[in-house]
Amino acid sequence: MPISFIGLRGSNAALDQLTVQLGVLYVQVPLEGGGYTMDHTASMLLFDPDLQLVGLLGQTLSDTALATAYRDIRQFIDAQSGRRQ
């Protein structure tokens, strides 16, 4: 089953303001023959249920290191909120 995620979207002004605040980057790059692609920060930003940034997972993490980091961050969030997994 594929893992789903929500990509950042909104008006250009709102995206520009948020990406500056988060320290991430996106750039629209034209393609030969028309159309475009988006270059962007490849790290994954993790937010808690209150939309507070709680983790930044780099693009160079192995799948095992990524899973471990996510599990650790999730346990931290659950402990802070008094929830159990």
PDB file of N, CA and C in Angstrom:
ATOM      1  N   MET A   1       0.840  -1.172   0.000  1.00  0.00           N
ATOM      2  CA  MET A   1       0.000   0.000   0.000  1.00  0.00           C
ATOM      3  C   MET A   1       0.889   1.240   0.000  1.00  0.00           C
ATOM      4  N   PRO A   2       0.709   2.149  -0.941  1.00  0.00           N
ATOM      5  CA  PRO A   2       1.566   3.342  -0.984  1.00  0.00           C
ATOM      6  C   PRO A   2       1.319   4.253   0.221  1.00  0.00           C
ATOM      7  N   ILE A   3       2.381   4.889   0.639  1.00  0.00           N
ATOM      8  CA  ILE A   3       2.290   5.861   1.728  1.00  0.00           C
ATOM      9  C   ILE A   3       1.816   7.176   1.129  1.00  0.00           C
ATOM     10  N   SER A   4       0.855   7.810   1.760  1.00  0.00           N
ATOM     11  CA  SER A   4       0.358   9.080   1.246  1.00  0.00           C
ATOM     12  C   SER A   4       0.861  10.228   2.114  1.00  0.00           C
ATOM     13  N   PHE A   5       0.883  11.385   1.550  1.00  0.00           N
ATOM     14  CA  PHE A   5       1.276  12.587   2.274  1.00  0.00           C
ATOM     15  C   PHE A   5       0.558  13.768   1.654  1.00  0.00           C
ATOM     16  N   ILE A   6       0.569  14.853   2.368  1.00  0.00           N
ATOM     17  CA  ILE A   6      -0.046  16.074   1.862  1.00  0.00           C
ATOM     18  C   ILE A   6       1.064  17.037   1.480  1.00  0.00           C
ATOM     19  N   GLY A   7       1.107  17.416   0.218  1.00  0.00           N
ATOM     20  CA  GLY A   7       2.074  18.389  -0.239  1.00  0.00           C
ATOM     21  C   GLY A   7       1.628  19.794   0.127  1.00  0.00           C
ATOM     22  N   LEU A   8       2.577  20.684   0.240  1.00  0.00           N
ATOM     23  CA  LEU A   8       2.272  22.071   0.571  1.00  0.00           C
ATOM     24  C   LEU A   8       1.595  22.740  -0.616  1.00  0.00           C
ATOM     25  N   ARG A   9       0.503  23.430  -0.355  1.00  0.00           N
ATOM     26  CA  ARG A   9      -0.196  24.134  -1.426  1.00  0.00           C
ATOM     27  C   ARG A   9      -0.847  25.393  -0.873  1.00  0.00           C
ATOM     28  N   GLY A  10      -1.131  26.319  -1.775  1.00  0.00           N
ATOM     29  CA  GLY A  10      -1.734  27.588  -1.399  1.00  0.00           C
ATOM     30  C   GLY A  10      -1.350  28.647  -2.410  1.00  0.00           C
ATOM     31  N   SER A  11      -1.671  29.899  -2.116  1.00  0.00           N
ATOM     32  CA  SER A  11      -1.303  30.989  -3.026  1.00  0.00           C
ATOM     33  C   SER A  11       0.212  31.165  -3.012  1.00  0.00           C
ATOM     34  N   ASN A  12       0.740  31.767  -4.074  1.00  0.00           N
ATOM     35  CA  ASN A  12       2.184  32.010  -4.130  1.00  0.00           C
ATOM     36  C   ASN A  12       2.652  32.841  -2.942  1.00  0.00           C
ATOM     37  N   ALA A  13       1.881  33.861  -2.574  1.00  0.00           N
ATOM     38  CA  ALA A  13       2.267  34.723  -1.447  1.00  0.00           C
ATOM     39  C   ALA A  13       2.319  33.924  -0.147  1.00  0.00           C
ATOM     40  N   ALA A  14       1.324  33.082   0.077  1.00  0.00           N
ATOM     41  CA  ALA A  14       1.293  32.278   1.302  1.00  0.00           C
ATOM     42  C   ALA A  14       2.427  31.261   1.314  1.00  0.00           C
ATOM     43  N   LEU A  15       2.681  30.625   0.167  1.00  0.00           N
ATOM     44  CA  LEU A  15       3.778  29.655   0.089  1.00  0.00           C
ATOM     45  C   LEU A  15       5.121  30.332   0.313  1.00  0.00           C
ATOM     46  N   ASP A  16       5.311  31.495  -0.298  1.00  0.00           N
ATOM     47  CA  ASP A  16       6.571  32.224  -0.119  1.00  0.00           C
ATOM     48  C   ASP A  16       6.800  32.567   1.349  1.00  0.00           C
ATOM     49  N   GLN A  17       5.775  33.050   2.024  1.00  0.00           N
ATOM     50  CA  GLN A  17       5.903  33.422   3.431  1.00  0.00           C
ATOM     51  C   GLN A  17       6.234  32.200   4.288  1.00  0.00           C
ATOM     52  N   LEU A  18       5.527  31.102   4.075  1.00  0.00           N
ATOM     53  CA  LEU A  18       5.752  29.907   4.880  1.00  0.00           C
ATOM     54  C   LEU A  18       7.110  29.281   4.609  1.00  0.00           C
ATOM     55  N   THR A  19       7.512  29.204   3.342  1.00  0.00           N
ATOM     56  CA  THR A  19       8.798  28.580   3.044  1.00  0.00           C
ATOM     57  C   THR A  19       9.956  29.382   3.628  1.00  0.00           C
ATOM     58  N   VAL A  20       9.833  30.688   3.664  1.00  0.00           N
ATOM     59  CA  VAL A  20      10.862  31.513   4.314  1.00  0.00           C
ATOM     60  C   VAL A  20      10.900  31.205   5.807  1.00  0.00           C
ATOM     61  N   GLN A  21       9.736  31.124   6.437  1.00  0.00           N
ATOM     62  CA  GLN A  21       9.674  30.835   7.874  1.00  0.00           C
ATOM     63  C   GLN A  21      10.257  29.463   8.202  1.00  0.00           C
ATOM     64  N   LEU A  22      10.042  28.492   7.328  1.00  0.00           N
ATOM     65  CA  LEU A  22      10.525  27.134   7.577  1.00  0.00           C
ATOM     66  C   LEU A  22      11.952  26.908   7.097  1.00  0.00           C
ATOM     67  N   GLY A  23      12.471  27.823   6.289  1.00  0.00           N
ATOM     68  CA  GLY A  23      13.823  27.667   5.770  1.00  0.00           C
ATOM     69  C   GLY A  23      13.920  26.627   4.670  1.00  0.00           C
ATOM     70  N   VAL A  24      12.865  26.510   3.874  1.00  0.00           N
ATOM     71  CA  VAL A  24      12.872  25.579   2.751  1.00  0.00           C
ATOM     72  C   VAL A  24      12.741  26.364   1.450  1.00  0.00           C
ATOM     73  N   LEU A  25      12.935  25.675   0.335  1.00  0.00           N
ATOM     74  CA  LEU A  25      13.012  26.345  -0.958  1.00  0.00           C
ATOM     75  C   LEU A  25      12.168  25.610  -1.986  1.00  0.00           C
ATOM     76  N   TYR A  26      11.555  26.358  -2.887  1.00  0.00           N
ATOM     77  CA  TYR A  26      10.947  25.765  -4.079  1.00  0.00           C
ATOM     78  C   TYR A  26      11.134  26.724  -5.242  1.00  0.00           C
ATOM     79  N   VAL A  27      11.354  26.169  -6.432  1.00  0.00           N
ATOM     80  CA  VAL A  27      11.578  26.973  -7.628  1.00  0.00           C
ATOM     81  C   VAL A  27      10.912  26.273  -8.807  1.00  0.00           C
ATOM     82  N   GLN A  28      10.140  27.011  -9.578  1.00  0.00           N
ATOM     83  CA  GLN A  28       9.545  26.473 -10.800  1.00  0.00           C
ATOM     84  C   GLN A  28      10.591  26.536 -11.901  1.00  0.00           C
ATOM     85  N   VAL A  29      10.852  25.396 -12.554  1.00  0.00           N
ATOM     86  CA  VAL A  29      11.879  25.303 -13.589  1.00  0.00           C
ATOM     87  C   VAL A  29      11.221  24.935 -14.919  1.00  0.00           C
ATOM     88  N   PRO A  30      11.338  25.816 -15.928  1.00  0.00           N
ATOM     89  CA  PRO A  30      10.735  25.516 -17.235  1.00  0.00           C
ATOM     90  C   PRO A  30      11.396  24.300 -17.890  1.00  0.00           C
ATOM     91  N   LEU A  31      10.597  23.523 -18.612  1.00  0.00           N
ATOM     92  CA  LEU A  31      11.107  22.380 -19.361  1.00  0.00           C
ATOM     93  C   LEU A  31      11.191  22.731 -20.838  1.00  0.00           C
ATOM     94  N   GLU A  32      12.156  22.141 -21.529  1.00  0.00           N
ATOM     95  CA  GLU A  32      12.228  22.322 -22.978  1.00  0.00           C
ATOM     96  C   GLU A  32      10.944  21.791 -23.588  1.00  0.00           C
ATOM     97  N   GLY A  33      10.374  22.517 -24.508  1.00  0.00           N
ATOM     98  CA  GLY A  33       9.147  22.078 -25.154  1.00  0.00           C
ATOM     99  C   GLY A  33       7.887  22.464 -24.406  1.00  0.00           C
ATOM    100  N   GLY A  34       8.035  23.188 -23.308  1.00  0.00           N
ATOM    101  CA  GLY A  34       6.867  23.630 -22.549  1.00  0.00           C
ATOM    102  C   GLY A  34       6.705  22.885 -21.246  1.00  0.00           C
ATOM    103  N   GLY A  35       5.851  23.402 -20.433  1.00  0.00           N
ATOM    104  CA  GLY A  35       5.625  22.817 -19.115  1.00  0.00           C
ATOM    105  C   GLY A  35       6.709  23.227 -18.135  1.00  0.00           C
ATOM    106  N   TYR A  36       6.661  22.651 -16.975  1.00  0.00           N
ATOM    107  CA  TYR A  36       7.648  22.971 -15.953  1.00  0.00           C
ATOM    108  C   TYR A  36       7.730  21.826 -14.946  1.00  0.00           C
ATOM    109  N   THR A  37       8.771  21.871 -14.168  1.00  0.00           N
ATOM    110  CA  THR A  37       8.931  20.974 -13.035  1.00  0.00           C
ATOM    111  C   THR A  37       9.220  21.838 -11.818  1.00  0.00           C
ATOM    112  N   MET A  38       9.148  21.259 -10.640  1.00  0.00           N
ATOM    113  CA  MET A  38       9.434  22.014  -9.418  1.00  0.00           C
ATOM    114  C   MET A  38      10.666  21.427  -8.743  1.00  0.00           C
ATOM    115  N   ASP A  39      11.652  22.272  -8.512  1.00  0.00           N
ATOM    116  CA  ASP A  39      12.772  21.902  -7.655  1.00  0.00           C
ATOM    117  C   ASP A  39      12.404  22.362  -6.256  1.00  0.00           C
ATOM    118  N   HIS A  40      12.728  21.548  -5.248  1.00  0.00           N
ATOM    119  CA  HIS A  40      12.323  21.895  -3.887  1.00  0.00           C
ATOM    120  C   HIS A  40      13.202  21.193  -2.869  1.00  0.00           C
ATOM    121  N   THR A  41      13.141  21.667  -1.655  1.00  0.00           N
ATOM    122  CA  THR A  41      13.831  21.024  -0.554  1.00  0.00           C
ATOM    123  C   THR A  41      13.353  19.585  -0.478  1.00  0.00           C
ATOM    124  N   ALA A  42      14.299  18.664  -0.347  1.00  0.00           N
ATOM    125  CA  ALA A  42      13.940  17.246  -0.351  1.00  0.00           C
ATOM    126  C   ALA A  42      13.769  16.676   1.050  1.00  0.00           C
ATOM    127  N   SER A  43      14.080  17.439   2.062  1.00  0.00           N
ATOM    128  CA  SER A  43      13.887  16.963   3.430  1.00  0.00           C
ATOM    129  C   SER A  43      12.401  16.885   3.749  1.00  0.00           C
ATOM    130  N   MET A  44      12.066  16.032   4.701  1.00  0.00           N
ATOM    131  CA  MET A  44      10.679  15.925   5.159  1.00  0.00           C
ATOM    132  C   MET A  44      10.541  16.649   6.483  1.00  0.00           C
ATOM    133  N   LEU A  45       9.580  17.529   6.567  1.00  0.00           N
ATOM    134  CA  LEU A  45       9.297  18.254   7.799  1.00  0.00           C
ATOM    135  C   LEU A  45       8.119  17.574   8.477  1.00  0.00           C
ATOM    136  N   LEU A  46       8.257  17.282   9.762  1.00  0.00           N
ATOM    137  CA  LEU A  46       7.191  16.628  10.513  1.00  0.00           C
ATOM    138  C   LEU A  46       6.583  17.608  11.496  1.00  0.00           C
ATOM    139  N   PHE A  47       5.257  17.660  11.509  1.00  0.00           N
ATOM    140  CA  PHE A  47       4.516  18.559  12.382  1.00  0.00           C
ATOM    141  C   PHE A  47       3.664  17.746  13.339  1.00  0.00           C
ATOM    142  N   ASP A  48       3.510  18.260  14.553  1.00  0.00           N
ATOM    143  CA  ASP A  48       2.637  17.597  15.520  1.00  0.00           C
ATOM    144  C   ASP A  48       1.188  18.004  15.232  1.00  0.00           C
ATOM    145  N   PRO A  49       0.237  17.430  15.971  1.00  0.00           N
ATOM    146  CA  PRO A  49      -1.170  17.768  15.717  1.00  0.00           C
ATOM    147  C   PRO A  49      -1.504  19.252  15.884  1.00  0.00           C
ATOM    148  N   ASP A  50      -0.660  19.995  16.614  1.00  0.00           N
ATOM    149  CA  ASP A  50      -0.866  21.436  16.784  1.00  0.00           C
ATOM    150  C   ASP A  50      -0.135  22.249  15.721  1.00  0.00           C
ATOM    151  N   LEU A  51       0.381  21.565  14.706  1.00  0.00           N
ATOM    152  CA  LEU A  51       1.108  22.169  13.587  1.00  0.00           C
ATOM    153  C   LEU A  51       2.418  22.821  14.000  1.00  0.00           C
ATOM    154  N   GLN A  52       3.041  22.300  15.049  1.00  0.00           N
ATOM    155  CA  GLN A  52       4.368  22.752  15.457  1.00  0.00           C
ATOM    156  C   GLN A  52       5.404  21.841  14.797  1.00  0.00           C
ATOM    157  N   LEU A  53       6.453  22.422  14.243  1.00  0.00           N
ATOM    158  CA  LEU A  53       7.513  21.642  13.617  1.00  0.00           C
ATOM    159  C   LEU A  53       8.250  20.860  14.691  1.00  0.00           C
ATOM    160  N   VAL A  54       8.293  19.545  14.561  1.00  0.00           N
ATOM    161  CA  VAL A  54       8.938  18.702  15.572  1.00  0.00           C
ATOM    162  C   VAL A  54      10.068  17.865  15.005  1.00  0.00           C
ATOM    163  N   GLY A  55      10.228  17.848  13.709  1.00  0.00           N
ATOM    164  CA  GLY A  55      11.298  17.050  13.143  1.00  0.00           C
ATOM    165  C   GLY A  55      11.596  17.430  11.713  1.00  0.00           C
ATOM    166  N   LEU A  56      12.854  17.243  11.349  1.00  0.00           N
ATOM    167  CA  LEU A  56      13.315  17.468   9.989  1.00  0.00           C
ATOM    168  C   LEU A  56      14.137  16.247   9.613  1.00  0.00           C
ATOM    169  N   LEU A  57      13.669  15.495   8.642  1.00  0.00           N
ATOM    170  CA  LEU A  57      14.337  14.268   8.240  1.00  0.00           C
ATOM    171  C   LEU A  57      15.026  14.502   6.908  1.00  0.00           C
ATOM    172  N   GLY A  58      16.346  14.352   6.902  1.00  0.00           N
ATOM    173  CA  GLY A  58      17.137  14.634   5.718  1.00  0.00           C
ATOM    174  C   GLY A  58      16.961  13.616   4.618  1.00  0.00           C
ATOM    175  N   GLN A  59      17.259  14.046   3.405  1.00  0.00           N
ATOM    176  CA  GLN A  59      17.088  13.190   2.240  1.00  0.00           C
ATOM    177  C   GLN A  59      18.105  12.064   2.176  1.00  0.00           C
ATOM    178  N   THR A  60      19.171  12.142   2.936  1.00  0.00           N
ATOM    179  CA  THR A  60      20.221  11.133   2.848  1.00  0.00           C
ATOM    180  C   THR A  60      20.041   9.984   3.831  1.00  0.00           C
ATOM    181  N   LEU A  61      18.970   9.999   4.613  1.00  0.00           N
ATOM    182  CA  LEU A  61      18.742   8.917   5.562  1.00  0.00           C
ATOM    183  C   LEU A  61      18.387   7.628   4.833  1.00  0.00           C
ATOM    184  N   SER A  62      18.933   6.520   5.324  1.00  0.00           N
ATOM    185  CA  SER A  62      18.532   5.219   4.791  1.00  0.00           C
ATOM    186  C   SER A  62      17.102   4.930   5.224  1.00  0.00           C
ATOM    187  N   ASP A  63      16.493   3.937   4.612  1.00  0.00           N
ATOM    188  CA  ASP A  63      15.115   3.620   4.987  1.00  0.00           C
ATOM    189  C   ASP A  63      15.014   3.203   6.449  1.00  0.00           C
ATOM    190  N   THR A  64      16.009   2.480   6.946  1.00  0.00           N
ATOM    191  CA  THR A  64      16.002   2.061   8.350  1.00  0.00           C
ATOM    192  C   THR A  64      16.171   3.258   9.279  1.00  0.00           C
ATOM    193  N   ALA A  65      17.111   4.151   8.955  1.00  0.00           N
ATOM    194  CA  ALA A  65      17.333   5.343   9.783  1.00  0.00           C
ATOM    195  C   ALA A  65      16.111   6.256   9.751  1.00  0.00           C
ATOM    196  N   LEU A  66      15.473   6.363   8.600  1.00  0.00           N
ATOM    197  CA  LEU A  66      14.268   7.180   8.477  1.00  0.00           C
ATOM    198  C   LEU A  66      13.143   6.622   9.346  1.00  0.00           C
ATOM    199  N   ALA A  67      12.947   5.318   9.290  1.00  0.00           N
ATOM    200  CA  ALA A  67      11.898   4.687  10.106  1.00  0.00           C
ATOM    201  C   ALA A  67      12.185   4.854  11.590  1.00  0.00           C
ATOM    202  N   THR A  68      13.438   4.711  11.988  1.00  0.00           N
ATOM    203  CA  THR A  68      13.817   4.877  13.392  1.00  0.00           C
ATOM    204  C   THR A  68      13.592   6.312  13.848  1.00  0.00           C
ATOM    205  N   ALA A  69      14.011   7.277  13.035  1.00  0.00           N
ATOM    206  CA  ALA A  69      13.828   8.690  13.390  1.00  0.00           C
ATOM    207  C   ALA A  69      12.348   9.023  13.510  1.00  0.00           C
ATOM    208  N   TYR A  70      11.550   8.550  12.575  1.00  0.00           N
ATOM    209  CA  TYR A  70      10.108   8.806  12.635  1.00  0.00           C
ATOM    210  C   TYR A  70       9.499   8.201  13.897  1.00  0.00           C
ATOM    211  N   ARG A  71       9.864   6.965  14.209  1.00  0.00           N
ATOM    212  CA  ARG A  71       9.338   6.298  15.405  1.00  0.00           C
ATOM    213  C   ARG A  71       9.727   7.070  16.663  1.00  0.00           C
ATOM    214  N   ASP A  72      10.982   7.521  16.736  1.00  0.00           N
ATOM    215  CA  ASP A  72      11.439   8.289  17.902  1.00  0.00           C
ATOM    216  C   ASP A  72      10.669   9.599  18.041  1.00  0.00           C
ATOM    217  N   ILE A  73      10.475  10.295  16.932  1.00  0.00           N
ATOM    218  CA  ILE A  73       9.735  11.558  16.969  1.00  0.00           C
ATOM    219  C   ILE A  73       8.285  11.308  17.361  1.00  0.00           C
ATOM    220  N   ARG A  74       7.692  10.261  16.824  1.00  0.00           N
ATOM    221  CA  ARG A  74       6.300   9.934  17.148  1.00  0.00           C
ATOM    222  C   ARG A  74       6.157   9.613  18.634  1.00  0.00           C
ATOM    223  N   GLN A  75       7.101   8.852  19.186  1.00  0.00           N
ATOM    224  CA  GLN A  75       7.055   8.531  20.616  1.00  0.00           C
ATOM    225  C   GLN A  75       7.191   9.795  21.457  1.00  0.00           C
ATOM    226  N   PHE A  76       8.043  10.713  21.029  1.00  0.00           N
ATOM    227  CA  PHE A  76       8.210  11.980  21.735  1.00  0.00           C
ATOM    228  C   PHE A  76       6.902  12.772  21.725  1.00  0.00           C
ATOM    229  N   ILE A  77       6.280  12.877  20.561  1.00  0.00           N
ATOM    230  CA  ILE A  77       5.013  13.611  20.459  1.00  0.00           C
ATOM    231  C   ILE A  77       3.958  12.968  21.346  1.00  0.00           C
ATOM    232  N   ASP A  78       3.846  11.654  21.286  1.00  0.00           N
ATOM    233  CA  ASP A  78       2.852  10.958  22.106  1.00  0.00           C
ATOM    234  C   ASP A  78       3.113  11.173  23.592  1.00  0.00           C
ATOM    235  N   ALA A  79       4.381  11.144  24.003  1.00  0.00           N
ATOM    236  CA  ALA A  79       4.721  11.355  25.416  1.00  0.00           C
ATOM    237  C   ALA A  79       4.375  12.776  25.850  1.00  0.00           C
ATOM    238  N   GLN A  80       4.633  13.747  24.980  1.00  0.00           N
ATOM    239  CA  GLN A  80       4.345  15.138  25.307  1.00  0.00           C
ATOM    240  C   GLN A  80       2.848  15.399  25.431  1.00  0.00           C
ATOM    241  N   SER A  81       2.072  14.678  24.659  1.00  0.00           N
ATOM    242  CA  SER A  81       0.628  14.912  24.669  1.00  0.00           C
ATOM    243  C   SER A  81      -0.111  13.974  25.611  1.00  0.00           C
ATOM    244  N   GLY A  82       0.623  13.076  26.260  1.00  0.00           N
ATOM    245  CA  GLY A  82      -0.005  12.156  27.201  1.00  0.00           C
ATOM    246  C   GLY A  82      -0.731  11.007  26.535  1.00  0.00           C
ATOM    247  N   ARG A  83      -0.497  10.832  25.237  1.00  0.00           N
ATOM    248  CA  ARG A  83      -1.143   9.736  24.509  1.00  0.00           C
ATOM    249  C   ARG A  83      -0.234   8.525  24.479  1.00  0.00           C
ATOM    250  N   ARG A  84      -0.821   7.390  24.273  1.00  0.00           N
ATOM    251  CA  ARG A  84      -0.068   6.153  24.085  1.00  0.00           C
ATOM    252  C   ARG A  84      -0.337   5.636  22.689  1.00  0.00           C
ATOM    253  N   GLN A  85       0.640   4.909  22.161  1.00  0.00           N
ATOM    254  CA  GLN A  85       0.477   4.335  20.819  1.00  0.00           C
ATOM    255  C   GLN A  85      -0.444   3.148  20.861  1.00  0.00           C
TER     256      GLN A  85
END
